[in-house]
Amino acid sequence: MIKIISLRENKEYLERGIQFIQESWNEVPPIIYEDCINHSINAEQPLPQWYLLEKENEIIGCAGLITNDFISRMDLYPWLCALFIKENERGNNYANLLIEKAKEDTKKFGFKYLNLCTDFTAYYEKFGFQYIGQGHHPWEEESRIYQISVD
């Protein structure tokens, strides 16, 4: 059985969830995710949100819904971030489950669009995201920005 777990709604997953996200995105200093997720759990505002994908009691994926993904386009939000599916589970359309959850919450929180930044050129287009331009990161790199309507 596959289920999506909101860390805000399932605090018993907090420690495991932080560890999974840190290990999945190990190029990001671990304190970034730990601090963000710990402070998001009881935040007054609806963002950020952090999700886990669980299959047969094993965490196999994750994603976040955040206000900015270290990108210059601060006029755009929310952002899908940290989308990851374990390598041995890829090819089963599991990423789409997390994307759909992020879209659902984006709409529920009153936003019209979900954004993401990536270096992948065609992956997100198959889910309906459209390229809208380039964005700049603080570490002097650029990423492609994609957007999808949630209406």
C-alpha atoms as a PDB file:
ATOM      1  CA  MET A   1       0.000   0.000   0.000  1.00  0.00           C
ATOM      2  CA  ILE A   2       1.268   3.455  -0.944  1.00  0.00           C
ATOM      3  CA  LYS A   3       0.465   6.469   1.210  1.00  0.00           C
ATOM      4  CA  ILE A   4       1.460  10.112   1.354  1.00  0.00           C
ATOM      5  CA  ILE A   5       2.351  11.347   4.813  1.00  0.00           C
ATOM      6  CA  SER A   6       2.240  14.999   5.797  1.00  0.00           C
ATOM      7  CA  LEU A   7       4.847  15.627   8.470  1.00  0.00           C
ATOM      8  CA  ARG A   8       2.625  18.327   9.995  1.00  0.00           C
ATOM      9  CA  GLU A   9      -0.209  15.854  10.399  1.00  0.00           C
ATOM     10  CA  ASN A  10       1.977  12.883  11.381  1.00  0.00           C
ATOM     11  CA  LYS A  11       4.598  14.176  13.782  1.00  0.00           C
ATOM     12  CA  GLU A  12       5.561  10.619  14.742  1.00  0.00           C
ATOM     13  CA  TYR A  13       7.358  10.501  11.352  1.00  0.00           C
ATOM     14  CA  LEU A  14       9.344  13.678  12.031  1.00  0.00           C
ATOM     15  CA  GLU A  15      12.721  12.178  12.921  1.00  0.00           C
ATOM     16  CA  ARG A  16      12.611   9.498  10.193  1.00  0.00           C
ATOM     17  CA  GLY A  17      11.346  12.039   7.670  1.00  0.00           C
ATOM     18  CA  ILE A  18      14.103  14.545   8.354  1.00  0.00           C
ATOM     19  CA  GLN A  19      16.719  11.812   8.094  1.00  0.00           C
ATOM     20  CA  PHE A  20      15.300  10.526   4.790  1.00  0.00           C
ATOM     21  CA  ILE A  21      15.204  14.006   3.251  1.00  0.00           C
ATOM     22  CA  GLN A  22      18.724  14.795   4.471  1.00  0.00           C
ATOM     23  CA  GLU A  23      20.076  11.553   3.003  1.00  0.00           C
ATOM     24  CA  SER A  24      18.174  12.033  -0.264  1.00  0.00           C
ATOM     25  CA  TRP A  25      19.569  15.557  -0.746  1.00  0.00           C
ATOM     26  CA  ASN A  26      22.995  15.178   0.843  1.00  0.00           C
ATOM     27  CA  GLU A  27      24.484  18.070  -1.139  1.00  0.00           C
ATOM     28  CA  VAL A  28      22.396  20.402   1.051  1.00  0.00           C
ATOM     29  CA  PRO A  29      23.800  20.942   4.555  1.00  0.00           C
ATOM     30  CA  PRO A  30      21.683  18.715   6.860  1.00  0.00           C
ATOM     31  CA  ILE A  31      20.865  21.587   9.222  1.00  0.00           C
ATOM     32  CA  ILE A  32      18.882  23.332   6.456  1.00  0.00           C
ATOM     33  CA  TYR A  33      16.252  20.592   6.248  1.00  0.00           C
ATOM     34  CA  GLU A  34      16.286  19.865   9.975  1.00  0.00           C
ATOM     35  CA  ASP A  35      15.724  23.497  10.909  1.00  0.00           C
ATOM     36  CA  CYS A  36      13.116  24.145   8.225  1.00  0.00           C
ATOM     37  CA  ILE A  37      11.086  21.013   8.914  1.00  0.00           C
ATOM     38  CA  ASN A  38      11.221  21.339  12.702  1.00  0.00           C
ATOM     39  CA  HIS A  39       9.978  24.934  12.500  1.00  0.00           C
ATOM     40  CA  SER A  40       7.299  24.131   9.918  1.00  0.00           C
ATOM     41  CA  ILE A  41       5.523  21.572  12.101  1.00  0.00           C
ATOM     42  CA  ASN A  42       3.757  24.172  14.258  1.00  0.00           C
ATOM     43  CA  ALA A  43       3.908  27.162  11.906  1.00  0.00           C
ATOM     44  CA  GLU A  44       0.856  29.434  11.816  1.00  0.00           C
ATOM     45  CA  GLN A  45       1.005  29.777   8.039  1.00  0.00           C
ATOM     46  CA  PRO A  46       0.261  26.818   5.756  1.00  0.00           C
ATOM     47  CA  LEU A  47       3.744  26.819   4.239  1.00  0.00           C
ATOM     48  CA  PRO A  48       6.105  25.059   4.324  1.00  0.00           C
ATOM     49  CA  GLN A  49       4.715  21.545   4.035  1.00  0.00           C
ATOM     50  CA  TRP A  50       6.809  18.379   3.903  1.00  0.00           C
ATOM     51  CA  TYR A  51       5.629  15.043   2.555  1.00  0.00           C
ATOM     52  CA  LEU A  52       6.868  11.472   2.640  1.00  0.00           C
ATOM     53  CA  LEU A  53       5.831   8.638   0.355  1.00  0.00           C
ATOM     54  CA  GLU A  54       5.551   5.341   2.179  1.00  0.00           C
ATOM     55  CA  LYS A  55       5.259   1.877   0.634  1.00  0.00           C
ATOM     56  CA  GLU A  56       4.799  -1.154   2.856  1.00  0.00           C
ATOM     57  CA  ASN A  57       6.099   0.750   5.923  1.00  0.00           C
ATOM     58  CA  GLU A  58       9.236   1.965   4.085  1.00  0.00           C
ATOM     59  CA  ILE A  59       9.797   5.591   3.140  1.00  0.00           C
ATOM     60  CA  ILE A  60      10.534   5.630  -0.586  1.00  0.00           C
ATOM     61  CA  GLY A  61      10.087   9.295  -1.485  1.00  0.00           C
ATOM     62  CA  CYS A  62       9.748  12.866  -0.329  1.00  0.00           C
ATOM     63  CA  ALA A  63       8.851  16.376  -1.435  1.00  0.00           C
ATOM     64  CA  GLY A  64       8.327  19.822   0.009  1.00  0.00           C
ATOM     65  CA  LEU A  65       5.988  22.724  -0.665  1.00  0.00           C
ATOM     66  CA  ILE A  66       7.813  25.914   0.264  1.00  0.00           C
ATOM     67  CA  THR A  67       7.801  29.696  -0.214  1.00  0.00           C
ATOM     68  CA  ASN A  68      11.122  29.932  -2.076  1.00  0.00           C
ATOM     69  CA  ASP A  69      13.627  27.405  -3.417  1.00  0.00           C
ATOM     70  CA  PHE A  70      16.810  29.508  -3.119  1.00  0.00           C
ATOM     71  CA  ILE A  71      15.879  31.269  -6.376  1.00  0.00           C
ATOM     72  CA  SER A  72      15.682  34.905  -7.452  1.00  0.00           C
ATOM     73  CA  ARG A  73      11.994  34.782  -8.458  1.00  0.00           C
ATOM     74  CA  MET A  74      10.601  35.608  -5.054  1.00  0.00           C
ATOM     75  CA  ASP A  75       7.433  36.889  -6.737  1.00  0.00           C
ATOM     76  CA  LEU A  76       6.494  33.266  -7.417  1.00  0.00           C
ATOM     77  CA  TYR A  77       5.263  30.829  -4.756  1.00  0.00           C
ATOM     78  CA  PRO A  78       4.689  28.182  -3.609  1.00  0.00           C
ATOM     79  CA  TRP A  79       7.480  25.950  -4.903  1.00  0.00           C
ATOM     80  CA  LEU A  80       7.687  22.201  -5.178  1.00  0.00           C
ATOM     81  CA  CYS A  81      11.092  21.193  -3.836  1.00  0.00           C
ATOM     82  CA  ALA A  82      13.170  18.207  -2.790  1.00  0.00           C
ATOM     83  CA  LEU A  83      11.155  15.762  -4.897  1.00  0.00           C
ATOM     84  CA  PHE A  84      12.909  12.427  -4.612  1.00  0.00           C
ATOM     85  CA  ILE A  85      12.026   8.784  -5.222  1.00  0.00           C
ATOM     86  CA  LYS A  86      14.425   6.013  -4.209  1.00  0.00           C
ATOM     87  CA  GLU A  87      16.231   4.713  -7.276  1.00  0.00           C
ATOM     88  CA  ASN A  88      14.877   1.155  -7.022  1.00  0.00           C
ATOM     89  CA  GLU A  89      11.296   2.542  -6.946  1.00  0.00           C
ATOM     90  CA  ARG A  90      11.578   4.830  -9.968  1.00  0.00           C
ATOM     91  CA  GLY A  91       9.569   4.156 -13.098  1.00  0.00           C
ATOM     92  CA  ASN A  92       6.336   3.491 -11.179  1.00  0.00           C
ATOM     93  CA  ASN A  93       4.917   7.042 -11.470  1.00  0.00           C
ATOM     94  CA  TYR A  94       5.346   7.572  -7.712  1.00  0.00           C
ATOM     95  CA  ALA A  95       6.650  11.113  -8.241  1.00  0.00           C
ATOM     96  CA  ASN A  96       3.266  12.010  -9.677  1.00  0.00           C
ATOM     97  CA  LEU A  97       1.614  11.102  -6.355  1.00  0.00           C
ATOM     98  CA  LEU A  98       3.742  13.677  -4.536  1.00  0.00           C
ATOM     99  CA  ILE A  99       3.237  16.267  -7.289  1.00  0.00           C
ATOM    100  CA  GLU A 100      -0.539  15.793  -7.122  1.00  0.00           C
ATOM    101  CA  LYS A 101      -0.478  16.207  -3.324  1.00  0.00           C
ATOM    102  CA  ALA A 102       1.521  19.425  -3.684  1.00  0.00           C
ATOM    103  CA  LYS A 103      -0.932  20.674  -6.332  1.00  0.00           C
ATOM    104  CA  GLU A 104      -3.902  19.789  -4.116  1.00  0.00           C
ATOM    105  CA  ASP A 105      -2.443  21.678  -1.151  1.00  0.00           C
ATOM    106  CA  THR A 106      -1.406  24.612  -3.344  1.00  0.00           C
ATOM    107  CA  LYS A 107      -5.020  25.017  -4.408  1.00  0.00           C
ATOM    108  CA  LYS A 108      -6.350  24.415  -0.866  1.00  0.00           C
ATOM    109  CA  PHE A 109      -4.095  27.208   0.446  1.00  0.00           C
ATOM    110  CA  GLY A 110      -5.504  29.660  -2.127  1.00  0.00           C
ATOM    111  CA  PHE A 111      -2.750  29.752  -4.748  1.00  0.00           C
ATOM    112  CA  LYS A 112      -3.307  29.470  -8.505  1.00  0.00           C
ATOM    113  CA  TYR A 113       0.073  28.086  -9.553  1.00  0.00           C
ATOM    114  CA  LEU A 114       2.702  25.654  -8.350  1.00  0.00           C
ATOM    115  CA  ASN A 115       6.297  26.441  -9.321  1.00  0.00           C
ATOM    116  CA  LEU A 116       9.536  24.520  -9.409  1.00  0.00           C
ATOM    117  CA  CYS A 117      13.121  25.088 -10.433  1.00  0.00           C
ATOM    118  CA  THR A 118      15.176  22.334 -11.996  1.00  0.00           C
ATOM    119  CA  ASP A 119      17.922  21.489 -14.425  1.00  0.00           C
ATOM    120  CA  PHE A 120      15.829  18.717 -15.984  1.00  0.00           C
ATOM    121  CA  THR A 121      14.584  19.855 -19.367  1.00  0.00           C
ATOM    122  CA  ALA A 122      11.664  17.518 -20.112  1.00  0.00           C
ATOM    123  CA  TYR A 123      10.813  15.505 -16.993  1.00  0.00           C
ATOM    124  CA  TYR A 124       8.297  17.886 -15.429  1.00  0.00           C
ATOM    125  CA  GLU A 125       6.673  18.774 -18.744  1.00  0.00           C
ATOM    126  CA  LYS A 126       5.144  15.290 -18.859  1.00  0.00           C
ATOM    127  CA  PHE A 127       3.251  16.207 -15.669  1.00  0.00           C
ATOM    128  CA  GLY A 128       1.916  19.406 -17.265  1.00  0.00           C
ATOM    129  CA  PHE A 129       4.458  21.935 -16.004  1.00  0.00           C
ATOM    130  CA  GLN A 130       5.375  24.674 -18.475  1.00  0.00           C
ATOM    131  CA  TYR A 131       8.728  26.402 -18.731  1.00  0.00           C
ATOM    132  CA  ILE A 132       8.368  30.100 -17.858  1.00  0.00           C
ATOM    133  CA  GLY A 133      11.976  31.320 -17.670  1.00  0.00           C
ATOM    134  CA  GLN A 134      15.293  31.217 -15.897  1.00  0.00           C
ATOM    135  CA  GLY A 135      15.999  31.968 -12.244  1.00  0.00           C
ATOM    136  CA  HIS A 136      19.237  32.698 -10.411  1.00  0.00           C
ATOM    137  CA  HIS A 137      20.550  31.024  -7.265  1.00  0.00           C
ATOM    138  CA  PRO A 138      22.737  32.638  -4.558  1.00  0.00           C
ATOM    139  CA  TRP A 139      25.600  30.301  -5.565  1.00  0.00           C
ATOM    140  CA  GLU A 140      25.766  31.986  -9.012  1.00  0.00           C
ATOM    141  CA  GLU A 141      24.001  29.254 -10.991  1.00  0.00           C
ATOM    142  CA  GLU A 142      20.796  29.340 -13.010  1.00  0.00           C
ATOM    143  CA  SER A 143      17.857  26.936 -13.113  1.00  0.00           C
ATOM    144  CA  ARG A 144      14.875  26.543 -15.354  1.00  0.00           C
ATOM    145  CA  ILE A 145      11.586  27.619 -13.772  1.00  0.00           C
ATOM    146  CA  TYR A 146       8.422  25.661 -14.459  1.00  0.00           C
ATOM    147  CA  GLN A 147       4.864  26.384 -13.458  1.00  0.00           C
ATOM    148  CA  ILE A 148       1.528  24.555 -13.481  1.00  0.00           C
ATOM    149  CA  SER A 149      -1.980  25.853 -12.862  1.00  0.00           C
ATOM    150  CA  VAL A 150      -3.812  24.129 -10.015  1.00  0.00           C
ATOM    151  CA  ASP A 151      -7.312  25.427 -10.891  1.00  0.00           C
END
